[in-house]
């Protein structure tokens, strides 16, 4: 597959890195000399320095033989125009555009007429992730599949029942059907575990189970389930407002706090079910005055990552049961567990996940990137010509670091063991390290 990406910022760089490591032919267009040089030095792909709206630059990048064009520059307008130029001058099958302006994304039908096949809005993606996480208890990272199976991220602290036990011992003690699909050690090592691997304090686990049992497993691992009624949201930008609208109802009390007085007035007229407060997320007195420590969840979604992290930490120290922070920097995400922040959501990674899902459409119906792209969970339908059809899981010649973690057959969700036989039309979820994705795509 030949892919041309316009923009070598955080999203463009991350997608190019991901796809080039899968041995796909990737080219990046970037007008900023420093960003272009940075990408050229670190990525195994063609980097063209120039304007993505210039047809000659597009041709130099390989648009004349490209299967896909992805526009993710920092400018919505450049993304739209570059996609329009690419659509009108080259025979590119799929065109993807990232747009931050929500008003643009609401006009998707008109964009189809100028050749845009898929629009992604990072703020909407991040908000949807947070809404889903809160609705499922806000205790852990959550990945929900189209089948009745969930994957939850769990940080192992000193009081966890899972600490210093092998996976076999944990499964015996818990006595529920689940799979630990991955372990990220505190020092950074990623393990696709066997039953003999011992779970240690500081580990971050991804657990897969049916929706009706996973909360019990999460609780046993050390995250007590809470009833979420009172929610404080810091930042009333597009993300904060979307979250407030998505979480209103269910007899919830929502406070939406922003430092911009005019924005507060506008948001109050839009989201009438929330209490809108003019205040700053780094104002300790405001936390005391509004009794933030008594809330069930604090969501810090301002446009300042450092303030988001500090406010989430402060809220937890005051007594908030769960804290969720918005951040994109990889080192901030990695530090979050040690900082007593329950969940960190990255708009950049949410955008990358959505784009990867679109790229892999076909027999693969879902893609979920985790650990900063080090691994993926692929949800797919077993076809008639699949190499894994009619084979037991223990007979599959999967690359090391790959694991089938869930199956749905005729509407029934199953956590399989090694003796389970895969059939045509099964809907399956496989967990794999990024270096094996191309091989997995060929097998399934």
Protein backbone atom coordinates (compact mmCIF):
# COMPACT_ATOMS: atom_id res chain seq x y z
CA UNK A 1 0.00 0.00 0.00
CA UNK A 2 1.30 3.47 -0.94
CA UNK A 3 0.34 6.25 1.46
CA UNK A 4 1.06 9.99 1.28
CA UNK A 5 0.74 12.01 4.49
CA UNK A 6 0.52 15.81 4.54
CA UNK A 7 1.91 17.14 7.81
CA UNK A 8 4.78 15.86 9.96
CA UNK A 9 3.43 17.08 13.28
CA UNK A 10 2.53 14.76 16.15
CA UNK A 11 -0.26 12.87 14.36
CA UNK A 12 1.42 12.73 10.94
CA UNK A 13 4.74 11.62 12.41
CA UNK A 14 3.08 8.96 14.55
CA UNK A 15 1.03 7.52 11.66
CA UNK A 16 4.07 7.51 9.34
CA UNK A 17 6.17 5.75 11.97
CA UNK A 18 3.45 3.20 12.57
CA UNK A 19 2.86 2.42 8.89
CA UNK A 20 6.51 2.47 7.80
CA UNK A 21 7.34 -0.04 10.54
CA UNK A 22 4.72 -2.29 8.94
CA UNK A 23 6.77 -2.03 5.69
CA UNK A 24 4.17 0.08 3.90
CA UNK A 25 5.40 2.66 1.38
CA UNK A 26 4.97 6.01 3.10
CA UNK A 27 5.80 9.57 2.08
CA UNK A 28 5.41 12.75 4.17
CA UNK A 29 4.97 16.31 2.94
CA UNK A 30 5.99 19.05 5.39
CA UNK A 31 6.51 22.75 4.64
CA UNK A 32 8.45 23.50 7.85
CA UNK A 33 12.16 22.82 7.26
CA UNK A 34 12.91 21.82 10.87
CA UNK A 35 9.96 19.42 11.07
CA UNK A 36 10.86 17.93 7.69
CA UNK A 37 14.46 17.37 8.78
CA UNK A 38 13.32 15.88 12.08
CA UNK A 39 11.06 13.40 10.26
CA UNK A 40 13.73 12.59 7.67
CA UNK A 41 16.27 11.73 10.36
CA UNK A 42 13.92 9.50 12.36
CA UNK A 43 11.57 7.81 9.90
CA UNK A 44 12.19 5.19 7.25
CA UNK A 45 10.15 6.97 4.59
CA UNK A 46 10.34 9.65 1.92
CA UNK A 47 10.09 13.19 3.28
CA UNK A 48 9.30 16.01 0.84
CA UNK A 49 9.73 19.60 2.05
CA UNK A 50 7.06 21.80 0.50
CA UNK A 51 3.44 22.91 0.42
CA UNK A 52 0.85 20.12 0.47
CA UNK A 53 -1.45 22.24 -1.70
CA UNK A 54 1.11 22.33 -4.54
CA UNK A 55 0.31 19.72 -7.20
CA UNK A 56 4.01 19.38 -8.10
CA UNK A 57 4.90 18.66 -4.46
CA UNK A 58 2.09 16.10 -4.29
CA UNK A 59 3.46 14.41 -7.39
CA UNK A 60 6.99 14.40 -5.98
CA UNK A 61 5.65 12.66 -2.87
CA UNK A 62 4.11 9.93 -5.04
CA UNK A 63 0.44 10.87 -5.22
CA UNK A 64 0.37 9.59 -8.83
CA UNK A 65 0.67 6.04 -7.47
CA UNK A 66 -0.80 6.49 -3.98
CA UNK A 67 -3.65 4.38 -2.62
CA UNK A 68 -4.37 6.78 0.22
CA UNK A 69 -3.86 10.45 1.07
CA UNK A 70 -3.96 11.62 4.69
CA UNK A 71 -4.03 15.36 5.43
CA UNK A 72 -3.09 16.12 9.05
CA UNK A 73 -1.31 19.48 8.95
CA UNK A 74 -1.95 22.08 11.66
CA UNK A 75 -4.34 23.97 9.36
CA UNK A 76 -7.89 22.78 8.63
CA UNK A 77 -7.94 24.87 5.47
CA UNK A 78 -4.67 23.43 4.16
CA UNK A 79 -5.95 19.92 4.90
CA UNK A 80 -9.14 20.52 2.92
CA UNK A 81 -7.45 22.23 -0.03
CA UNK A 82 -4.63 19.66 -0.28
CA UNK A 83 -7.20 16.87 -0.30
CA UNK A 84 -9.21 18.67 -2.98
CA UNK A 85 -6.08 19.13 -5.15
CA UNK A 86 -5.08 15.49 -4.65
CA UNK A 87 -8.59 14.26 -5.53
CA UNK A 88 -8.75 16.34 -8.71
CA UNK A 89 -5.27 15.58 -10.04
CA UNK A 90 -4.62 11.98 -9.00
CA UNK A 91 -6.54 8.73 -8.90
CA UNK A 92 -6.27 8.14 -5.14
CA UNK A 93 -8.78 5.66 -3.73
CA UNK A 94 -9.13 7.05 -0.18
CA UNK A 95 -8.65 10.57 1.19
CA UNK A 96 -8.61 11.31 4.94
CA UNK A 97 -8.70 14.78 6.49
CA UNK A 98 -8.19 15.90 10.07
CA UNK A 99 -10.34 18.91 10.95
CA UNK A 100 -10.33 20.61 14.34
CA UNK A 101 -13.18 23.04 13.64
CA UNK A 102 -16.37 21.26 14.70
CA UNK A 103 -18.44 23.38 12.30
CA UNK A 104 -16.46 21.90 9.42
CA UNK A 105 -17.01 18.35 10.63
CA UNK A 106 -20.77 18.91 10.75
CA UNK A 107 -20.75 19.48 6.98
CA UNK A 108 -19.38 16.08 5.95
CA UNK A 109 -21.93 15.52 3.16
CA UNK A 110 -20.63 18.57 1.28
CA UNK A 111 -17.02 17.39 1.68
CA UNK A 112 -17.83 14.12 -0.08
CA UNK A 113 -18.41 16.22 -3.19
CA UNK A 114 -14.81 17.46 -3.17
CA UNK A 115 -13.27 14.03 -2.74
CA UNK A 116 -12.96 13.64 1.05
CA UNK A 117 -13.81 10.11 2.21
CA UNK A 118 -13.22 10.35 5.95
CA UNK A 119 -13.08 13.27 8.40
CA UNK A 120 -11.50 12.94 11.81
CA UNK A 121 -11.81 15.52 14.60
CA UNK A 122 -9.31 14.97 17.43
CA UNK A 123 -11.39 16.86 19.98
CA UNK A 124 -14.51 14.82 19.27
CA UNK A 125 -12.51 11.57 19.41
CA UNK A 126 -10.98 12.50 22.77
CA UNK A 127 -14.37 13.55 24.16
CA UNK A 128 -16.01 10.30 23.01
CA UNK A 129 -13.23 8.32 24.72
CA UNK A 130 -13.71 10.20 28.00
CA UNK A 131 -17.52 9.88 27.90
CA UNK A 132 -17.24 6.13 27.33
CA UNK A 133 -14.67 5.81 30.11
CA UNK A 134 -16.85 7.67 32.64
CA UNK A 135 -19.96 5.72 31.67
CA UNK A 136 -18.03 2.52 32.40
CA UNK A 137 -16.90 3.64 35.84
CA UNK A 138 -13.80 5.77 35.17
CA UNK A 139 -11.66 3.24 36.98
CA UNK A 140 -9.35 2.27 34.11
CA UNK A 141 -8.53 2.77 30.46
CA UNK A 142 -11.33 1.16 28.46
CA UNK A 143 -11.44 -0.37 24.99
CA UNK A 144 -14.86 -1.60 23.93
CA UNK A 145 -15.21 -3.88 20.91
CA UNK A 146 -18.27 -4.34 18.72
CA UNK A 147 -18.72 -7.69 20.45
CA UNK A 148 -19.71 -8.00 24.12
CA UNK A 149 -16.08 -7.93 25.24
CA UNK A 150 -14.03 -5.21 26.89
CA UNK A 151 -10.32 -4.62 27.41
CA UNK A 152 -9.36 -2.61 30.50
CA UNK A 153 -6.01 -1.20 31.56
CA UNK A 154 -5.10 -1.76 35.22
CA UNK A 155 -2.15 -0.32 37.14
CA UNK A 156 -0.86 -2.71 39.81
CA UNK A 157 -0.15 -0.91 43.06
CA UNK A 158 1.22 -2.19 46.39
CA UNK A 159 -2.23 -3.27 47.62
CA UNK A 160 -3.32 -5.18 44.51
CA UNK A 161 -4.39 -8.80 44.88
CA UNK A 162 -2.52 -9.53 41.63
CA UNK A 163 0.89 -8.35 42.91
CA UNK A 164 3.65 -11.02 43.05
CA UNK A 165 1.43 -13.74 41.60
CA UNK A 166 1.75 -15.59 38.32
CA UNK A 167 -1.06 -15.27 35.80
CA UNK A 168 -1.98 -18.93 36.42
CA UNK A 169 -2.26 -18.24 40.15
CA UNK A 170 -4.37 -15.13 39.52
CA UNK A 171 -6.78 -17.01 37.24
CA UNK A 172 -7.14 -19.81 39.79
CA UNK A 173 -7.83 -17.37 42.61
CA UNK A 174 -10.20 -15.09 40.67
CA UNK A 175 -12.15 -18.03 39.21
CA UNK A 176 -13.55 -16.01 36.31
CA UNK A 177 -12.98 -16.32 32.59
CA UNK A 178 -10.54 -13.64 31.43
CA UNK A 179 -7.22 -13.13 29.67
CA UNK A 180 -4.32 -10.85 30.59
CA UNK A 181 -3.36 -9.83 27.07
CA UNK A 182 -0.35 -7.63 27.82
CA UNK A 183 1.90 -6.38 30.60
CA UNK A 184 3.95 -3.19 30.47
CA UNK A 185 6.72 -3.30 33.05
CA UNK A 186 7.59 -0.17 35.00
CA UNK A 187 10.95 -0.02 33.21
CA UNK A 188 9.20 -0.08 29.80
CA UNK A 189 9.32 -3.73 28.70
CA UNK A 190 6.19 -4.94 26.87
CA UNK A 191 5.26 -8.60 27.48
CA UNK A 192 2.59 -10.73 25.84
CA UNK A 193 2.45 -13.10 28.80
CA UNK A 194 2.20 -16.82 29.38
CA UNK A 195 0.65 -18.30 32.50
CA UNK A 196 4.04 -18.47 34.21
CA UNK A 197 4.73 -14.73 34.08
CA UNK A 198 4.61 -13.05 37.49
CA UNK A 199 2.78 -9.75 37.88
CA UNK A 200 4.78 -7.12 39.77
CA UNK A 201 4.02 -3.86 41.53
CA UNK A 202 4.15 -1.02 39.01
CA UNK A 203 3.03 -3.21 36.09
CA UNK A 204 0.29 -1.98 33.78
CA UNK A 205 -1.97 -4.80 32.60
CA UNK A 206 -4.54 -5.05 29.84
CA UNK A 207 -7.29 -7.48 30.87
CA UNK A 208 -9.86 -8.89 28.43
CA UNK A 209 -13.20 -10.26 29.64
CA UNK A 210 -16.93 -10.26 28.94
CA UNK A 211 -18.69 -7.03 29.84
CA UNK A 212 -20.68 -8.64 32.66
CA UNK A 213 -17.59 -9.90 34.51
CA UNK A 214 -14.82 -7.39 33.82
CA UNK A 215 -15.87 -4.99 36.61
CA UNK A 216 -15.45 -7.80 39.15
CA UNK A 217 -11.93 -8.50 37.83
CA UNK A 218 -11.00 -4.81 37.92
CA UNK A 219 -12.21 -4.60 41.53
CA UNK A 220 -10.17 -7.65 42.52
CA UNK A 221 -7.13 -6.05 40.93
CA UNK A 222 -7.56 -3.07 43.26
CA UNK A 223 -9.92 -0.60 41.56
CA UNK A 224 -13.14 -0.35 43.58
CA UNK A 225 -16.27 0.35 41.57
CA UNK A 226 -17.91 3.69 42.33
CA UNK A 227 -21.27 5.27 41.52
CA UNK A 228 -20.60 8.40 39.48
CA UNK A 229 -22.96 11.26 40.21
CA UNK A 230 -20.90 14.45 40.73
CA UNK A 231 -18.52 15.41 37.89
CA UNK A 232 -16.24 18.45 37.62
CA UNK A 233 -14.91 19.37 34.18
CA UNK A 234 -12.11 21.93 33.90
CA UNK A 235 -12.00 23.59 30.50
CA UNK A 236 -15.10 24.56 28.54
CA UNK A 237 -13.56 24.40 25.10
CA UNK A 238 -14.92 22.05 22.45
CA UNK A 239 -13.71 18.96 24.33
CA UNK A 240 -15.07 20.04 27.72
CA UNK A 241 -18.40 21.13 26.27
CA UNK A 242 -18.79 17.89 24.30
CA UNK A 243 -18.02 15.87 27.45
CA UNK A 244 -20.53 17.85 29.52
CA UNK A 245 -23.28 17.37 26.93
CA UNK A 246 -22.45 13.66 26.58
CA UNK A 247 -22.49 13.02 30.34
CA UNK A 248 -25.53 15.09 31.27
CA UNK A 249 -28.57 13.14 32.35
CA UNK A 250 -28.59 9.99 34.50
CA UNK A 251 -29.27 12.33 37.46
CA UNK A 252 -25.69 13.60 37.35
CA UNK A 253 -24.48 16.92 38.73
CA UNK A 254 -21.97 18.48 36.35
CA UNK A 255 -19.85 21.57 36.98
CA UNK A 256 -18.07 23.04 33.97
CA UNK A 257 -15.25 25.45 34.88
CA UNK A 258 -13.40 27.82 32.54
CA UNK A 259 -11.18 30.90 32.94
CA UNK A 260 -12.73 32.72 29.94
CA UNK A 261 -15.79 34.67 31.12
CA UNK A 262 -17.26 35.15 27.63
CA UNK A 263 -16.84 31.45 26.91
CA UNK A 264 -18.63 30.64 30.16
CA UNK A 265 -21.61 32.75 29.13
CA UNK A 266 -21.79 31.07 25.74
CA UNK A 267 -21.45 27.54 27.16
CA UNK A 268 -24.09 28.22 29.83
CA UNK A 269 -26.58 29.05 27.08
CA UNK A 270 -25.72 25.83 25.20
CA UNK A 271 -25.39 23.28 28.01
CA UNK A 272 -28.24 24.16 30.35
CA UNK A 273 -27.97 20.95 32.42
CA UNK A 274 -24.49 21.85 33.66
CA UNK A 275 -23.51 24.49 36.22
CA UNK A 276 -20.97 26.74 34.48
CA UNK A 277 -18.42 28.48 36.71
CA UNK A 278 -15.93 31.20 35.81
CA UNK A 279 -12.63 30.13 37.33
CA UNK A 280 -9.13 28.80 36.69
CA UNK A 281 -8.01 25.17 36.86
CA UNK A 282 -4.82 26.17 38.69
CA UNK A 283 -6.64 28.17 41.39
CA UNK A 284 -6.43 26.23 44.67
CA UNK A 285 -9.05 28.46 46.33
CA UNK A 286 -11.58 27.58 43.63
CA UNK A 287 -11.10 23.87 44.39
CA UNK A 288 -11.91 24.59 48.03
CA UNK A 289 -14.84 26.92 47.33
CA UNK A 290 -16.50 24.47 44.93
CA UNK A 291 -15.79 21.44 47.15
CA UNK A 292 -14.07 19.62 44.29
CA UNK A 293 -12.67 17.07 46.75
CA UNK A 294 -16.20 15.76 47.30
CA UNK A 295 -16.76 14.98 43.61
CA UNK A 296 -16.72 11.51 42.13
CA UNK A 297 -14.76 12.46 39.00
CA UNK A 298 -12.59 15.41 38.00
CA UNK A 299 -11.85 15.80 34.27
CA UNK A 300 -9.11 18.28 33.36
CA UNK A 301 -9.56 19.23 29.69
CA UNK A 302 -8.01 22.69 29.33
CA UNK A 303 -5.68 23.55 26.45
CA UNK A 304 -2.66 23.38 28.79
CA UNK A 305 -1.33 19.86 29.41
CA UNK A 306 0.74 20.82 32.45
CA UNK A 307 -2.26 22.44 34.15
CA UNK A 308 -4.36 19.37 33.30
CA UNK A 309 -1.91 17.07 35.04
CA UNK A 310 -1.37 19.30 38.08
CA UNK A 311 -5.10 19.91 38.52
CA UNK A 312 -5.86 16.19 38.25
CA UNK A 313 -3.21 15.42 40.89
CA UNK A 314 -4.50 18.18 43.18
CA UNK A 315 -8.09 16.98 42.82
CA UNK A 316 -7.06 13.45 43.83
CA UNK A 317 -5.17 14.80 46.83
CA UNK A 318 -8.31 16.65 47.92
CA UNK A 319 -10.34 13.44 47.79
CA UNK A 320 -11.79 13.11 44.29
CA UNK A 321 -12.42 9.42 43.66
CA UNK A 322 -11.30 9.40 40.01
CA UNK A 323 -9.25 11.84 37.94
CA UNK A 324 -8.99 12.00 34.15
CA UNK A 325 -6.50 14.31 32.42
CA UNK A 326 -6.05 15.34 28.81
CA UNK A 327 -2.43 15.18 27.57
CA UNK A 328 -0.55 14.37 24.38
CA UNK A 329 3.12 14.32 25.38
CA UNK A 330 4.34 10.71 25.57
CA UNK A 331 6.38 11.28 28.74
CA UNK A 332 3.35 12.77 30.52
CA UNK A 333 1.25 9.74 29.60
CA UNK A 334 3.98 7.38 30.83
CA UNK A 335 4.27 9.29 34.14
CA UNK A 336 0.55 9.41 34.89
CA UNK A 337 0.30 6.23 36.99
CA UNK A 338 3.11 7.38 39.27
CA UNK A 339 1.38 10.74 39.67
CA UNK A 340 -1.82 9.18 41.06
CA UNK A 341 -3.84 10.14 37.98
CA UNK A 342 -6.32 7.41 37.10
CA UNK A 343 -6.57 7.93 33.34
CA UNK A 344 -4.80 10.11 30.77
CA UNK A 345 -6.52 10.57 27.40
CA UNK A 346 -4.51 11.70 24.37
CA UNK A 347 -6.38 13.46 21.53
CA UNK A 348 -3.42 12.67 19.27
CA UNK A 349 -3.56 8.93 19.97
CA UNK A 350 -7.36 8.92 19.69
CA UNK A 351 -6.95 10.49 16.24
CA UNK A 352 -4.27 8.00 15.22
CA UNK A 353 -6.48 5.09 16.33
CA UNK A 354 -9.40 6.35 14.24
CA UNK A 355 -7.23 6.82 11.17
CA UNK A 356 -5.69 3.35 11.56
CA UNK A 357 -9.18 1.84 11.86
CA UNK A 358 -10.14 3.49 8.57
CA UNK A 359 -6.93 2.40 6.84
CA UNK A 360 -7.43 -1.22 7.83
CA UNK A 361 -11.09 -1.42 6.83
CA UNK A 362 -12.04 -4.68 5.14
CA UNK A 363 -11.96 -7.95 7.02
CA UNK A 364 -10.46 -5.96 9.89
CA UNK A 365 -13.35 -4.09 11.49
CA UNK A 366 -11.55 -2.44 14.39
CA UNK A 367 -8.04 -1.32 15.34
CA UNK A 368 -7.05 -0.18 18.83
CA UNK A 369 -3.52 1.10 19.39
CA UNK A 370 -2.16 0.89 22.94
CA UNK A 371 1.05 1.63 24.83
CA UNK A 372 1.76 4.54 22.48
CA UNK A 373 1.49 2.32 19.40
CA UNK A 374 3.75 -0.50 20.64
CA UNK A 375 0.87 -2.96 20.27
CA UNK A 376 -2.56 -3.22 18.65
CA UNK A 377 -5.77 -5.10 19.25
CA UNK A 378 -7.26 -6.05 15.86
CA UNK A 379 -10.94 -6.98 15.61
CA UNK A 380 -11.71 -8.98 12.45
CA UNK A 381 -14.13 -11.39 10.80
CA UNK A 382 -12.79 -14.84 9.85
CA UNK A 383 -13.26 -15.23 6.10
CA UNK A 384 -13.66 -18.37 4.00
CA UNK A 385 -10.03 -18.21 2.83
CA UNK A 386 -8.53 -17.32 6.20
CA UNK A 387 -5.46 -19.36 7.19
CA UNK A 388 -6.74 -19.71 10.74
CA UNK A 389 -10.19 -21.13 9.81
CA UNK A 390 -11.01 -24.56 11.32
CA UNK A 391 -7.87 -24.57 13.47
CA UNK A 392 -7.50 -24.78 17.23
CA UNK A 393 -5.83 -21.76 18.80
CA UNK A 394 -2.93 -23.87 20.02
CA UNK A 395 -2.31 -24.98 16.41
CA UNK A 396 -2.05 -21.46 15.00
CA UNK A 397 1.30 -20.39 13.67
CA UNK A 398 1.09 -16.89 15.12
CA UNK A 399 4.20 -14.71 15.50
CA UNK A 400 5.64 -14.52 19.00
CA UNK A 401 3.95 -11.72 20.88
CA UNK A 402 0.49 -12.38 19.41
CA UNK A 403 -2.58 -13.74 21.16
CA UNK A 404 -6.23 -14.37 20.23
CA UNK A 405 -8.10 -12.94 23.23
CA UNK A 406 -11.80 -13.00 22.29
CA UNK A 407 -14.31 -14.59 19.90
CA UNK A 408 -17.92 -13.85 19.09
CA UNK A 409 -19.84 -16.66 17.38
CA UNK A 410 -23.49 -16.24 16.43
CA UNK A 411 -23.91 -13.48 19.00
CA UNK A 412 -22.22 -15.35 21.86
CA UNK A 413 -19.00 -13.82 23.23
CA UNK A 414 -16.27 -16.25 24.28
CA UNK A 415 -12.92 -15.92 26.05
CA UNK A 416 -11.18 -18.86 24.32
CA UNK A 417 -8.56 -21.33 25.49
CA UNK A 418 -6.02 -23.21 23.40
CA UNK A 419 -8.49 -25.95 22.43
CA UNK A 420 -10.99 -23.54 20.91
CA UNK A 421 -11.50 -24.06 17.14
CA UNK A 422 -11.98 -20.97 14.97
CA UNK A 423 -14.77 -21.12 12.39
CA UNK A 424 -15.72 -19.05 9.35
CA UNK A 425 -17.68 -15.86 10.22
CA UNK A 426 -16.34 -15.82 13.78
CA UNK A 427 -15.62 -12.29 14.94
CA UNK A 428 -12.26 -12.36 16.68
CA UNK A 429 -9.90 -10.04 18.55
CA UNK A 430 -6.17 -10.62 18.31
CA UNK A 431 -3.57 -8.77 20.34
CA UNK A 432 -0.14 -8.30 18.75
CA UNK A 433 3.03 -6.27 18.93
CA UNK A 434 3.39 -3.65 16.21
CA UNK A 435 6.24 -5.44 14.42
CA UNK A 436 3.96 -8.38 13.66
CA UNK A 437 0.94 -6.48 12.26
CA UNK A 438 1.73 -7.07 8.58
CA UNK A 439 2.23 -10.80 9.22
CA UNK A 440 -1.03 -10.98 11.20
CA UNK A 441 -2.92 -9.23 8.37
CA UNK A 442 -1.69 -11.92 5.96
CA UNK A 443 -2.67 -14.78 8.27
CA UNK A 444 -6.19 -13.69 9.18
